[in-house]
Amino acid sequence: FPFHFWLPGAMAAPTPVSAYLHAAAMVKAGIYLIARLAPAFADSEPWRPMIISLGLFTMLLGGVQALRESDLKRVLAFGTVSQLGMLTVVLGYGERNSALAGLALLVGHALFKSSLFLVVGVIDRQLSTRDIGELSGVGRQAPTLAAFSIIAIASMVGVAPTVGFVAKEATLTALLEGGTDPGAWIPLVGIVLGSALTASYGIRFVWGAFWTKKDDAGAPLPRTEWPDPPIGFLAAPVLLSALTVVAGVAAPWLDVALSGYADTMPEAEGASYHLALWHGWEPALFLSLGSIAVGAALFWLVRRTHWHTRVLPFTANDAYNAVLRAIVRASVWTTTLTQRGSLPVYVGTIFVVFVAAEGTALLASAEWQTHLDAWQTPMQIVVAPIMILAGIVAVRARKRYTGVVLVSVTGLGMVLLFATSGAPDLALTQILVETVTLVAFALVLRRIPSRMGEHNASVLPVARAVLAIAVGATMALVAIVATGAREFVPISTRFPDLAYELGHGKNVVNVALVDLRGWDTMGELSVLILAATGVASLVFVTHRSDLLSRAIAPLPTSAIVA
């Protein structure tokens, strides 16, 4: 949840596809991702609450919905949703024993769910129906299919000697010994409830597919005639069901195969757990038996009350559709608010988001500089006032060319600051970009009036000024915090030695540009190439527009008269 809605709808696929994709392969992609990330995020504070909460909700939601379905394939589909939720909880728990139990659950689920999907395929092929209400007495006519289906269901429910029993006991033991946190009981209770639901819809599957149904008066319903399928149809589900027992008996060998991943996780507080078919009369065993008993009672209650046929006032599909409608409405409102065809609105939105995001991060940062130098070189005292003055005059300028030139003055001031601060490569890049940008502005300004409209000065001038000051202050604070957050000696202090030892050159700047800082140089070249490409495009478009204007210009009157 909330990305499970596609799975039951995908049950229209052929049965072998369902058995492969929905039991063993495709649906495990998310579980595999959680298993890969768990060793790194096990100690992260948000990881366990988020993963466990989503997993528990998914497990219970899928289990409840599986009890309401009448299509055998959809029962298994929502059962898969529930099992994936359980796997999410166990693998996301973040401890060594739970990781081992999660992998055992993964193996067991692949075996028993593949077998059950193939069983449903055989029933569908022989009887052309998967509806529980249309099946009665199939088990007496197909005892082999029914027997191995019961074995697969036993593995899903957690009955010895199947691998499902081994995995379920390992899961409950891992959660029982999983720590003393105040909320440690929540996953345990959730897994027990989910196991009870699993037992309930597992029993319902066997009853719906193979049992002899009775009407309200207690009389047996007419038996569904069962044509014997080819023996090859039974081979795959029989083999997979048998493997659930083989894997359960071979639990010690399975433990050796799965412990490599489990050992990458943090150790639990108790002793390391090992997979085995029998661990004795332990609390996990009684919890497992209790969940099966509760599941059987729940199945009986659902049958007696016909709860599964009642129309619920609100379902998960309704919630999903409501969320989609809310997203669409929010998108329409956001688009209406921001997409107004106004460049100032677009730029202002970007700046507001920047100030809000960076400002929040700055307020949360503790890396503030406590000592600031007013200047490092005398050139800064000369250049900085010129840049400030040029910026102020550019804001007040009424001619576009004047404003562009003054903005370029601030850029050229940055060139001087870079050059006098030991960064000649940055100075060179900056002066080239400023030159190209000035040319681009000149080409663009040829097509628009030379003077700025008077209306520009009257549209929220105070808001514009406040936003501009906020952006400048935010950038200044970013620089202050960035320099204060430095914990190590800059690598640039070793450039002279590295240039000679690794770059085999005596010119530190040259070696740094092409070797030590090669990626930075490539980035700077990319900026220059993009800027030059933009200017070339403007020149080409302008030239092409002039040619097109001359080509379609009307003939002079004298030529028409002649």
Protein backbone atom coordinates (compact mmCIF):
# COMPACT_ATOMS: atom_id res chain seq x y z
CA PHE A 1 0.00 0.00 0.00
CA PRO A 2 -0.69 2.24 -1.72
CA PHE A 3 0.92 0.65 -4.82
CA HIS A 4 -0.80 -2.73 -4.63
CA PHE A 5 -3.94 -2.02 -6.67
CA TRP A 6 -2.47 -3.24 -9.94
CA LEU A 7 -1.82 -6.77 -8.67
CA PRO A 8 -5.40 -8.11 -8.33
CA GLY A 9 -6.31 -6.49 -11.64
CA ALA A 10 -3.41 -8.28 -13.32
CA MET A 11 -5.04 -11.64 -12.58
CA ALA A 12 -6.43 -11.62 -16.13
CA ALA A 13 -3.02 -12.92 -17.22
CA PRO A 14 -2.65 -16.63 -18.05
CA THR A 15 -2.07 -18.84 -15.04
CA PRO A 16 1.62 -19.67 -15.76
CA VAL A 17 2.30 -15.93 -16.03
CA SER A 18 0.54 -15.33 -12.72
CA ALA A 19 2.49 -18.14 -11.09
CA TYR A 20 5.82 -16.72 -12.27
CA LEU A 21 5.28 -12.96 -12.01
CA HIS A 22 2.90 -12.73 -9.06
CA ALA A 23 4.32 -15.48 -6.88
CA ALA A 24 8.06 -15.57 -7.52
CA ALA A 25 9.47 -12.77 -9.63
CA MET A 26 7.84 -9.43 -10.37
CA VAL A 27 6.08 -8.77 -7.07
CA LYS A 28 9.33 -9.44 -5.23
CA ALA A 29 11.07 -6.45 -6.80
CA GLY A 30 10.00 -4.12 -4.00
CA ILE A 31 10.86 -6.72 -1.37
CA TYR A 32 14.29 -7.15 -2.95
CA LEU A 33 14.81 -3.38 -2.79
CA ILE A 34 13.90 -3.31 0.91
CA ALA A 35 16.24 -6.22 1.58
CA ARG A 36 19.08 -4.44 -0.23
CA LEU A 37 18.54 -1.17 1.63
CA ALA A 38 17.89 -2.66 5.07
CA PRO A 39 21.57 -3.21 6.04
CA ALA A 40 22.36 0.45 5.35
CA PHE A 41 19.18 1.97 6.83
CA ALA A 42 18.59 -0.43 9.72
CA ASP A 43 19.89 2.11 12.24
CA SER A 44 18.19 5.09 10.61
CA GLU A 45 15.43 6.55 12.76
CA PRO A 46 12.66 6.96 10.11
CA TRP A 47 13.31 3.59 8.44
CA ARG A 48 11.74 1.11 10.84
CA PRO A 49 8.57 3.06 11.76
CA MET A 50 7.82 3.87 8.12
CA ILE A 51 8.50 0.40 6.68
CA ILE A 52 6.80 -1.47 9.51
CA SER A 53 3.71 0.77 9.45
CA LEU A 54 3.21 0.40 5.70
CA GLY A 55 3.89 -3.34 5.88
CA LEU A 56 1.42 -3.95 8.71
CA PHE A 57 -1.33 -1.96 7.02
CA THR A 58 -0.75 -3.74 3.71
CA MET A 59 -0.75 -7.16 5.39
CA LEU A 60 -4.03 -6.59 7.23
CA LEU A 61 -5.71 -4.88 4.28
CA GLY A 62 -4.80 -7.70 1.89
CA GLY A 63 -5.89 -10.37 4.38
CA VAL A 64 -9.30 -8.79 4.97
CA GLN A 65 -9.92 -8.35 1.25
CA ALA A 66 -8.88 -11.96 0.53
CA LEU A 67 -11.69 -13.08 2.85
CA ARG A 68 -14.22 -11.13 0.78
CA GLU A 69 -13.31 -12.47 -2.67
CA SER A 70 -15.19 -15.29 -4.41
CA ASP A 71 -12.74 -15.72 -7.31
CA LEU A 72 -10.04 -18.20 -6.29
CA LYS A 73 -7.40 -16.32 -8.23
CA ARG A 74 -8.28 -13.02 -6.58
CA VAL A 75 -8.19 -14.72 -3.19
CA LEU A 76 -4.59 -15.66 -3.94
CA ALA A 77 -3.89 -12.20 -5.36
CA PHE A 78 -4.95 -10.38 -2.21
CA GLY A 79 -3.22 -13.09 -0.22
CA THR A 80 -0.06 -12.15 -2.10
CA VAL A 81 -0.61 -8.51 -1.12
CA SER A 82 -0.92 -9.60 2.51
CA GLN A 83 2.19 -11.79 2.31
CA LEU A 84 4.19 -8.97 0.75
CA GLY A 85 3.16 -6.77 3.66
CA MET A 86 4.45 -9.41 6.07
CA LEU A 87 7.73 -9.65 4.16
CA THR A 88 8.05 -5.87 4.30
CA VAL A 89 7.65 -5.87 8.08
CA VAL A 90 10.08 -8.72 8.69
CA LEU A 91 12.82 -7.62 6.28
CA GLY A 92 12.45 -3.98 7.30
CA TYR A 93 12.71 -4.78 11.00
CA GLY A 94 16.46 -4.31 10.73
CA GLU A 95 17.94 -7.15 12.78
CA ARG A 96 19.87 -10.28 11.95
CA ASN A 97 17.24 -12.82 13.06
CA SER A 98 14.38 -11.02 11.32
CA ALA A 99 16.41 -10.84 8.11
CA LEU A 100 16.97 -14.60 8.22
CA ALA A 101 13.26 -15.17 8.84
CA GLY A 102 12.36 -12.81 6.00
CA LEU A 103 14.45 -14.74 3.48
CA ALA A 104 12.90 -18.01 4.66
CA LEU A 105 9.45 -16.46 4.17
CA LEU A 106 10.53 -15.36 0.71
CA VAL A 107 11.51 -18.90 -0.28
CA GLY A 108 8.35 -20.38 1.20
CA HIS A 109 6.08 -17.86 -0.49
CA ALA A 110 7.64 -18.48 -3.90
CA LEU A 111 6.99 -22.23 -3.56
CA PHE A 112 3.50 -22.41 -2.10
CA LYS A 113 2.02 -19.47 -3.98
CA SER A 114 3.33 -20.71 -7.34
CA SER A 115 1.77 -24.10 -6.61
CA LEU A 116 -1.58 -22.57 -5.65
CA PHE A 117 -1.74 -20.36 -8.74
CA LEU A 118 -1.14 -23.43 -10.90
CA VAL A 119 -3.84 -25.34 -8.99
CA VAL A 120 -6.31 -22.57 -9.79
CA GLY A 121 -5.19 -22.76 -13.40
CA VAL A 122 -5.98 -26.47 -13.54
CA ILE A 123 -9.42 -25.87 -12.00
CA ASP A 124 -10.13 -23.02 -14.40
CA ARG A 125 -9.04 -25.06 -17.40
CA GLN A 126 -11.10 -28.13 -16.46
CA LEU A 127 -14.26 -26.39 -15.22
CA SER A 128 -14.08 -22.97 -16.95
CA THR A 129 -14.78 -21.23 -13.65
CA ARG A 130 -12.91 -20.05 -10.57
CA ASP A 131 -15.97 -18.90 -8.64
CA ILE A 132 -16.26 -20.45 -5.18
CA GLY A 133 -20.06 -20.45 -5.45
CA GLU A 134 -19.96 -22.67 -8.55
CA LEU A 135 -17.58 -25.31 -7.15
CA SER A 136 -18.70 -28.22 -4.98
CA GLY A 137 -17.32 -31.68 -4.35
CA VAL A 138 -14.20 -31.25 -6.49
CA GLY A 139 -11.92 -32.66 -3.80
CA ARG A 140 -13.50 -36.13 -3.86
CA GLN A 141 -13.06 -36.29 -7.63
CA ALA A 142 -9.51 -34.88 -7.70
CA PRO A 143 -7.88 -36.22 -4.51
CA THR A 144 -4.30 -35.75 -5.71
CA LEU A 145 -4.85 -32.12 -6.64
CA ALA A 146 -6.70 -31.50 -3.38
CA ALA A 147 -4.03 -33.20 -1.25
CA PHE A 148 -1.13 -31.23 -2.65
CA SER A 149 -3.17 -28.02 -2.54
CA ILE A 150 -3.71 -28.64 1.17
CA ILE A 151 0.05 -29.11 1.58
CA ALA A 152 0.68 -25.75 -0.11
CA ILE A 153 -1.98 -24.09 2.06
CA ALA A 154 -0.40 -25.71 5.13
CA SER A 155 2.90 -24.08 4.21
CA MET A 156 1.17 -20.72 3.73
CA VAL A 157 -0.59 -21.02 7.10
CA GLY A 158 2.53 -22.32 8.87
CA VAL A 159 1.95 -26.00 9.62
CA ALA A 160 4.81 -28.46 10.17
CA PRO A 161 6.78 -29.91 8.46
CA THR A 162 6.69 -27.31 5.69
CA VAL A 163 9.09 -24.44 5.09
CA GLY A 164 6.25 -22.07 5.92
CA PHE A 165 6.21 -23.43 9.46
CA VAL A 166 9.98 -22.94 9.79
CA ALA A 167 9.77 -19.36 8.46
CA LYS A 168 6.77 -18.43 10.60
CA GLU A 169 8.38 -19.70 13.80
CA ALA A 170 11.59 -17.84 12.93
CA THR A 171 9.59 -14.65 12.36
CA LEU A 172 7.73 -14.85 15.66
CA THR A 173 10.93 -15.67 17.56
CA ALA A 174 12.75 -12.73 15.97
CA LEU A 175 9.96 -10.35 16.96
CA LEU A 176 9.66 -11.77 20.47
CA GLU A 177 13.38 -11.22 21.04
CA GLY A 178 13.62 -8.10 18.92
CA GLY A 179 14.24 -5.55 21.63
CA THR A 180 12.75 -3.71 24.55
CA ASP A 181 11.57 -0.56 22.77
CA PRO A 182 8.15 0.71 23.90
CA GLY A 183 6.67 -0.04 20.47
CA ALA A 184 8.34 -3.42 19.94
CA TRP A 185 5.05 -5.23 20.60
CA ILE A 186 3.27 -3.56 17.66
CA PRO A 187 4.94 -5.58 14.86
CA LEU A 188 4.49 -8.78 16.88
CA VAL A 189 0.76 -8.21 17.38
CA GLY A 190 0.39 -7.19 13.73
CA ILE A 191 2.16 -10.34 12.49
CA VAL A 192 -0.02 -12.56 14.71
CA LEU A 193 -3.20 -10.88 13.41
CA GLY A 194 -1.93 -11.15 9.84
CA SER A 195 -1.16 -14.84 10.40
CA ALA A 196 -4.70 -15.38 11.67
CA LEU A 197 -6.09 -13.76 8.52
CA THR A 198 -3.75 -15.92 6.42
CA ALA A 199 -5.06 -19.05 8.12
CA SER A 200 -8.63 -17.87 7.60
CA TYR A 201 -8.43 -17.20 3.86
CA GLY A 202 -6.22 -20.28 3.42
CA ILE A 203 -8.94 -22.47 4.92
CA ARG A 204 -11.49 -20.63 2.82
CA PHE A 205 -9.49 -21.41 -0.32
CA VAL A 206 -9.51 -25.15 0.43
CA TRP A 207 -13.19 -25.06 1.34
CA GLY A 208 -14.13 -23.04 -1.73
CA ALA A 209 -12.12 -25.07 -4.22
CA PHE A 210 -12.61 -28.66 -3.00
CA TRP A 211 -15.28 -28.94 -0.30
CA THR A 212 -18.83 -30.14 -0.82
CA LYS A 213 -21.04 -27.10 -0.22
CA LYS A 214 -24.43 -27.15 1.46
CA ASP A 215 -27.46 -24.95 0.98
CA ASP A 216 -29.24 -23.01 3.72
CA ALA A 217 -31.25 -26.10 4.66
CA GLY A 218 -28.09 -28.16 5.13
CA ALA A 219 -28.52 -30.32 2.04
CA PRO A 220 -25.43 -30.95 -0.14
CA LEU A 221 -25.30 -28.94 -3.34
CA PRO A 222 -25.03 -30.74 -6.68
CA ARG A 223 -21.52 -31.98 -7.32
CA THR A 224 -19.45 -30.16 -9.93
CA GLU A 225 -18.45 -32.72 -12.55
CA TRP A 226 -14.67 -32.95 -12.81
CA PRO A 227 -13.00 -34.20 -16.00
CA ASP A 228 -9.59 -35.67 -15.21
CA PRO A 229 -6.79 -33.39 -16.50
CA PRO A 230 -3.69 -34.67 -18.31
CA ILE A 231 -1.07 -35.93 -15.88
CA GLY A 232 1.34 -33.23 -17.03
CA PHE A 233 -0.99 -30.55 -15.69
CA LEU A 234 -0.54 -31.89 -12.18
CA ALA A 235 3.23 -32.27 -12.31
CA ALA A 236 4.16 -28.64 -11.61
CA PRO A 237 1.83 -27.94 -8.63
CA VAL A 238 2.61 -31.36 -7.13
CA LEU A 239 6.36 -30.76 -7.43
CA LEU A 240 6.18 -27.27 -5.93
CA SER A 241 4.01 -28.43 -3.03
CA ALA A 242 6.40 -31.30 -2.36
CA LEU A 243 9.31 -28.87 -2.34
CA THR A 244 7.69 -26.93 0.52
CA VAL A 245 8.02 -30.09 2.64
CA VAL A 246 11.52 -30.84 1.39
CA ALA A 247 12.65 -27.29 2.21
CA GLY A 248 11.10 -27.58 5.67
CA VAL A 249 12.95 -30.80 6.43
CA ALA A 250 16.15 -29.34 4.96
CA ALA A 251 15.91 -26.21 7.13
CA PRO A 252 19.52 -26.50 8.44
CA TRP A 253 20.87 -26.45 4.88
CA LEU A 254 18.55 -23.56 4.07
CA ASP A 255 19.96 -21.74 7.11
CA VAL A 256 23.49 -22.06 5.71
CA ALA A 257 22.37 -20.70 2.34
CA LEU A 258 20.56 -17.68 3.79
CA SER A 259 22.80 -16.72 6.72
CA GLY A 260 25.25 -14.81 4.53
CA TYR A 261 22.79 -11.97 4.01
CA ALA A 262 21.42 -12.12 7.55
CA ASP A 263 24.91 -11.68 9.00
CA THR A 264 25.18 -8.26 7.34
CA MET A 265 22.43 -6.95 9.62
CA PRO A 266 22.87 -5.69 13.20
CA GLU A 267 22.82 -8.47 15.78
CA ALA A 268 19.69 -8.94 17.87
CA GLU A 269 19.78 -8.63 21.65
CA GLY A 270 19.44 -12.39 22.12
CA ALA A 271 21.39 -15.24 20.60
CA SER A 272 21.62 -15.68 16.85
CA TYR A 273 18.72 -17.74 15.53
CA HIS A 274 19.16 -20.70 13.19
CA LEU A 275 16.51 -22.26 10.98
CA ALA A 276 15.38 -25.70 12.09
CA LEU A 277 12.22 -27.77 11.80
CA TRP A 278 11.85 -28.15 15.57
CA HIS A 279 12.98 -25.80 18.33
CA GLY A 280 10.87 -27.29 21.09
CA TRP A 281 7.83 -25.97 22.92
CA GLU A 282 8.69 -22.29 22.73
CA PRO A 283 6.45 -19.19 22.91
CA ALA A 284 6.67 -18.72 19.15
CA LEU A 285 5.12 -22.16 18.61
CA PHE A 286 2.15 -21.35 20.85
CA LEU A 287 1.64 -18.00 19.13
CA SER A 288 1.64 -19.81 15.79
CA LEU A 289 -0.91 -22.38 16.96
CA GLY A 290 -3.03 -19.62 18.46
CA SER A 291 -3.08 -17.65 15.21
CA ILE A 292 -4.21 -20.76 13.31
CA ALA A 293 -7.00 -21.37 15.84
CA VAL A 294 -8.15 -17.75 15.60
CA GLY A 295 -8.04 -17.97 11.81
CA ALA A 296 -10.21 -21.10 11.81
CA ALA A 297 -12.72 -19.41 14.13
CA LEU A 298 -12.73 -16.33 11.91
CA PHE A 299 -13.44 -18.46 8.83
CA TRP A 300 -16.37 -20.11 10.59
CA LEU A 301 -17.71 -16.72 11.68
CA VAL A 302 -17.46 -15.26 8.17
CA ARG A 303 -19.30 -18.28 6.75
CA ARG A 304 -22.07 -18.11 9.31
CA THR A 305 -22.65 -14.37 9.04
CA HIS A 306 -22.03 -14.08 5.26
CA TRP A 307 -19.94 -11.01 6.10
CA HIS A 308 -17.97 -11.32 2.87
CA THR A 309 -21.10 -10.60 0.82
CA ARG A 310 -21.89 -7.30 2.54
CA VAL A 311 -21.22 -4.07 0.70
CA LEU A 312 -18.74 -1.96 2.62
CA PRO A 313 -19.47 1.78 2.85
CA PHE A 314 -15.86 2.62 2.09
CA THR A 315 -13.14 0.48 0.51
CA ALA A 316 -9.46 0.86 -0.27
CA ASN A 317 -10.35 1.47 -3.92
CA ASP A 318 -12.54 4.37 -2.84
CA ALA A 319 -9.64 5.80 -0.85
CA TYR A 320 -7.29 5.39 -3.80
CA ASN A 321 -9.72 7.11 -6.19
CA ALA A 322 -10.32 9.90 -3.66
CA VAL A 323 -6.57 10.50 -3.41
CA LEU A 324 -6.29 10.63 -7.21
CA ARG A 325 -9.14 13.14 -7.43
CA ALA A 326 -7.51 15.29 -4.75
CA ILE A 327 -4.21 15.21 -6.64
CA VAL A 328 -5.93 16.28 -9.86
CA ARG A 329 -7.71 19.15 -8.10
CA ALA A 330 -4.48 20.26 -6.43
CA SER A 331 -2.67 20.11 -9.78
CA VAL A 332 -5.35 22.22 -11.47
CA TRP A 333 -5.23 24.77 -8.66
CA THR A 334 -1.42 24.90 -8.69
CA THR A 335 -1.30 25.24 -12.47
CA THR A 336 -3.91 28.00 -12.43
CA LEU A 337 -1.97 29.83 -9.74
CA THR A 338 1.51 29.56 -11.25
CA GLN A 339 1.14 29.12 -15.03
CA ARG A 340 -0.05 32.62 -15.88
CA GLY A 341 2.16 33.25 -18.90
CA SER A 342 4.12 35.84 -16.92
CA LEU A 343 7.90 35.58 -16.77
CA PRO A 344 8.11 37.66 -13.53
CA VAL A 345 5.68 35.24 -11.87
CA TYR A 346 7.76 32.23 -12.95
CA VAL A 347 11.05 33.74 -11.80
CA GLY A 348 9.46 34.99 -8.59
CA THR A 349 8.08 31.52 -7.81
CA ILE A 350 11.53 30.00 -8.26
CA PHE A 351 13.09 32.58 -5.96
CA VAL A 352 10.38 32.19 -3.29
CA VAL A 353 10.84 28.41 -3.22
CA PHE A 354 14.62 28.87 -3.08
CA VAL A 355 14.43 31.28 -0.15
CA ALA A 356 11.94 29.09 1.72
CA ALA A 357 13.88 25.85 1.21
CA GLU A 358 17.36 27.22 1.80
CA GLY A 359 16.19 29.47 4.61
CA THR A 360 14.68 26.53 6.47
CA ALA A 361 17.88 24.54 6.03
CA LEU A 362 19.98 27.47 7.21
CA LEU A 363 17.89 27.98 10.33
CA ALA A 364 18.27 24.28 11.16
CA SER A 365 22.04 24.38 10.63
CA ALA A 366 24.45 24.75 13.49
CA GLU A 367 27.48 25.38 11.26
CA TRP A 368 27.53 29.19 11.49
CA GLN A 369 30.77 31.07 11.10
CA THR A 370 31.77 32.76 14.33
CA HIS A 371 34.62 34.78 12.83
CA LEU A 372 34.27 36.69 9.57
CA ASP A 373 36.98 38.73 7.87
CA ALA A 374 35.83 42.01 6.34
CA TRP A 375 38.21 41.46 3.41
CA GLN A 376 41.21 39.37 2.39
CA THR A 377 42.81 41.60 -0.26
CA PRO A 378 42.77 45.38 -0.87
CA MET A 379 41.27 44.75 -4.32
CA GLN A 380 38.06 43.58 -2.66
CA ILE A 381 37.71 46.97 -0.97
CA VAL A 382 37.88 48.63 -4.39
CA VAL A 383 35.76 46.20 -6.42
CA ALA A 384 32.93 45.43 -3.98
CA PRO A 385 31.55 49.03 -3.77
CA ILE A 386 31.62 49.28 -7.58
CA MET A 387 29.62 46.05 -7.90
CA ILE A 388 27.09 47.20 -5.30
CA LEU A 389 26.70 50.60 -6.97
CA ALA A 390 26.29 49.00 -10.42
CA GLY A 391 23.60 46.68 -9.07
CA ILE A 392 21.64 49.54 -7.48
CA VAL A 393 21.84 51.68 -10.62
CA ALA A 394 20.82 48.68 -12.79
CA VAL A 395 17.63 48.34 -10.75
CA ARG A 396 16.80 52.01 -11.31
CA ALA A 397 17.73 52.07 -15.02
CA ARG A 398 14.97 52.84 -17.53
CA LYS A 399 16.81 51.76 -20.69
CA ARG A 400 17.34 48.08 -21.29
CA TYR A 401 20.85 48.45 -22.73
CA THR A 402 21.87 50.47 -19.70
CA GLY A 403 20.56 47.81 -17.33
CA VAL A 404 22.32 45.00 -19.22
CA VAL A 405 25.66 46.83 -19.21
CA LEU A 406 25.39 47.57 -15.50
CA VAL A 407 24.59 43.93 -14.73
CA SER A 408 27.66 42.95 -16.76
CA VAL A 409 29.71 45.32 -14.59
CA THR A 410 28.80 43.25 -11.53
CA GLY A 411 29.86 40.12 -13.42
CA LEU A 412 33.18 41.65 -14.41
CA GLY A 413 33.67 42.60 -10.77
CA MET A 414 33.37 38.91 -9.95
CA VAL A 415 36.09 38.29 -12.54
CA LEU A 416 38.44 40.60 -10.65
CA LEU A 417 37.58 38.96 -7.32
CA PHE A 418 38.26 35.49 -8.72
CA ALA A 419 41.50 36.58 -10.35
CA THR A 420 42.84 38.19 -7.16
CA SER A 421 41.74 35.26 -4.97
CA GLY A 422 43.87 32.62 -6.67
CA ALA A 423 41.26 31.27 -9.10
CA PRO A 424 42.34 32.34 -12.58
CA ASP A 425 40.44 29.48 -14.24
CA LEU A 426 37.18 30.67 -12.68
CA ALA A 427 38.00 34.22 -13.71
CA LEU A 428 38.55 33.13 -17.31
CA THR A 429 35.28 31.17 -17.36
CA GLN A 430 33.39 34.07 -15.80
CA ILE A 431 34.68 36.66 -18.28
CA LEU A 432 33.85 34.41 -21.24
CA VAL A 433 30.33 33.77 -19.92
CA GLU A 434 29.80 37.48 -19.24
CA THR A 435 30.94 38.36 -22.75
CA VAL A 436 28.73 35.76 -24.40
CA THR A 437 25.77 36.73 -22.21
CA LEU A 438 26.21 40.40 -23.09
CA VAL A 439 26.19 39.52 -26.79
CA ALA A 440 23.06 37.38 -26.30
CA PHE A 441 21.28 40.23 -24.53
CA ALA A 442 22.26 42.63 -27.29
CA LEU A 443 20.79 40.32 -29.93
CA VAL A 444 17.57 39.87 -27.99
CA LEU A 445 17.15 43.55 -27.14
CA ARG A 446 17.19 44.46 -30.82
CA ARG A 447 13.68 42.98 -31.08
CA ILE A 448 12.06 44.77 -28.13
CA PRO A 449 11.60 48.46 -27.20
CA SER A 450 14.70 50.12 -25.84
CA ARG A 451 12.91 51.64 -22.85
CA MET A 452 11.29 49.63 -20.10
CA GLY A 453 7.52 50.06 -19.72
CA GLU A 454 6.33 52.27 -16.95
CA HIS A 455 4.01 49.50 -15.72
CA ASN A 456 6.98 47.37 -14.70
CA ALA A 457 7.89 49.78 -11.94
CA SER A 458 4.40 49.82 -10.45
CA VAL A 459 3.72 46.06 -10.14
CA LEU A 460 4.33 45.14 -6.50
CA PRO A 461 7.57 47.13 -6.17
CA VAL A 462 7.83 46.52 -2.43
CA ALA A 463 7.33 42.75 -2.84
CA ARG A 464 9.97 42.65 -5.58
CA ALA A 465 12.43 44.56 -3.42
CA VAL A 466 11.81 42.32 -0.41
CA LEU A 467 12.22 39.18 -2.52
CA ALA A 468 15.43 40.47 -4.09
CA ILE A 469 16.91 41.33 -0.68
CA ALA A 470 15.84 37.91 0.65
CA VAL A 471 17.54 36.09 -2.23
CA GLY A 472 20.75 38.06 -1.76
CA ALA A 473 20.75 37.52 2.00
CA THR A 474 20.07 33.80 1.55
CA MET A 475 22.98 33.41 -0.86
CA ALA A 476 25.26 35.27 1.54
CA LEU A 477 24.19 33.05 4.42
CA VAL A 478 24.72 29.95 2.29
CA ALA A 479 28.30 31.04 1.69
CA ILE A 480 28.83 31.74 5.40
CA VAL A 481 27.40 28.40 6.50
CA ALA A 482 29.27 26.51 3.76
CA THR A 483 32.60 27.90 4.87
CA GLY A 484 31.76 27.30 8.52
CA ALA A 485 30.79 23.67 7.86
CA ARG A 486 34.24 22.76 6.55
CA GLU A 487 35.75 20.19 8.90
CA PHE A 488 38.88 19.17 7.02
CA VAL A 489 41.85 20.92 5.46
CA PRO A 490 41.02 21.85 1.83
CA ILE A 491 42.51 19.49 -0.72
CA SER A 492 43.72 22.50 -2.69
CA THR A 493 46.53 22.99 -0.16
CA ARG A 494 48.11 19.82 -1.52
CA PHE A 495 47.77 20.81 -5.18
CA PRO A 496 51.42 21.97 -5.56
CA ASP A 497 52.76 18.60 -4.38
CA LEU A 498 50.09 16.57 -6.19
CA ALA A 499 50.67 18.45 -9.43
CA TYR A 500 54.31 17.42 -9.45
CA GLU A 501 53.96 13.90 -7.99
CA LEU A 502 50.81 12.74 -9.81
CA GLY A 503 50.50 15.12 -12.73
CA HIS A 504 54.24 15.29 -13.48
CA GLY A 505 54.00 19.01 -14.15
CA LYS A 506 55.44 22.15 -12.60
CA ASN A 507 52.60 24.48 -13.64
CA VAL A 508 50.08 23.90 -10.86
CA VAL A 509 47.21 25.69 -12.64
CA ASN A 510 47.59 23.69 -15.86
CA VAL A 511 47.80 20.34 -14.07
CA ALA A 512 44.85 21.21 -11.85
CA LEU A 513 42.68 22.15 -14.83
CA VAL A 514 43.35 19.06 -16.94
CA ASP A 515 44.07 16.45 -14.27
CA LEU A 516 43.32 17.14 -10.62
CA ARG A 517 40.12 19.07 -11.37
CA GLY A 518 39.31 17.53 -14.74
CA TRP A 519 35.61 17.09 -14.01
CA ASP A 520 35.26 20.72 -12.86
CA THR A 521 36.95 21.86 -16.04
CA MET A 522 34.58 19.77 -18.12
CA GLY A 523 31.64 21.35 -16.30
CA GLU A 524 32.97 24.84 -16.97
CA LEU A 525 33.46 23.97 -20.64
CA SER A 526 29.89 22.68 -20.76
CA VAL A 527 28.65 26.04 -19.48
CA LEU A 528 30.62 27.84 -22.17
CA ILE A 529 29.36 25.48 -24.89
CA LEU A 530 25.75 25.94 -23.80
CA ALA A 531 26.10 29.72 -23.73
CA ALA A 532 27.80 29.78 -27.13
CA THR A 533 25.15 27.47 -28.57
CA GLY A 534 22.42 29.79 -27.33
CA VAL A 535 24.07 32.81 -28.91
CA ALA A 536 24.66 30.96 -32.18
CA SER A 537 21.00 29.96 -32.23
CA LEU A 538 19.93 33.57 -31.72
CA VAL A 539 22.21 34.74 -34.53
CA PHE A 540 20.94 32.01 -36.85
CA VAL A 541 17.28 32.70 -36.05
CA THR A 542 17.80 36.44 -36.55
CA HIS A 543 19.53 35.87 -39.90
CA ARG A 544 16.84 33.43 -41.03
CA SER A 545 14.07 35.82 -39.98
CA ASP A 546 15.65 38.63 -42.02
CA LEU A 547 15.89 36.39 -45.09
CA LEU A 548 12.29 35.27 -44.64
CA SER A 549 11.09 38.87 -44.28
CA ARG A 550 12.82 39.86 -47.51
CA ALA A 551 11.49 36.78 -49.30
CA ILE A 552 7.84 37.51 -48.50
CA ALA A 553 8.05 41.31 -48.69
CA PRO A 554 5.41 42.78 -51.06
CA LEU A 555 6.56 44.05 -54.43
CA PRO A 556 6.85 47.84 -54.86
CA THR A 557 3.95 49.60 -56.61
CA SER A 558 6.12 50.58 -59.60
CA ALA A 559 6.92 46.92 -60.25
CA ILE A 560 3.24 45.99 -60.17
CA VAL A 561 2.32 48.82 -62.60
CA ALA A 562 5.13 47.81 -64.95
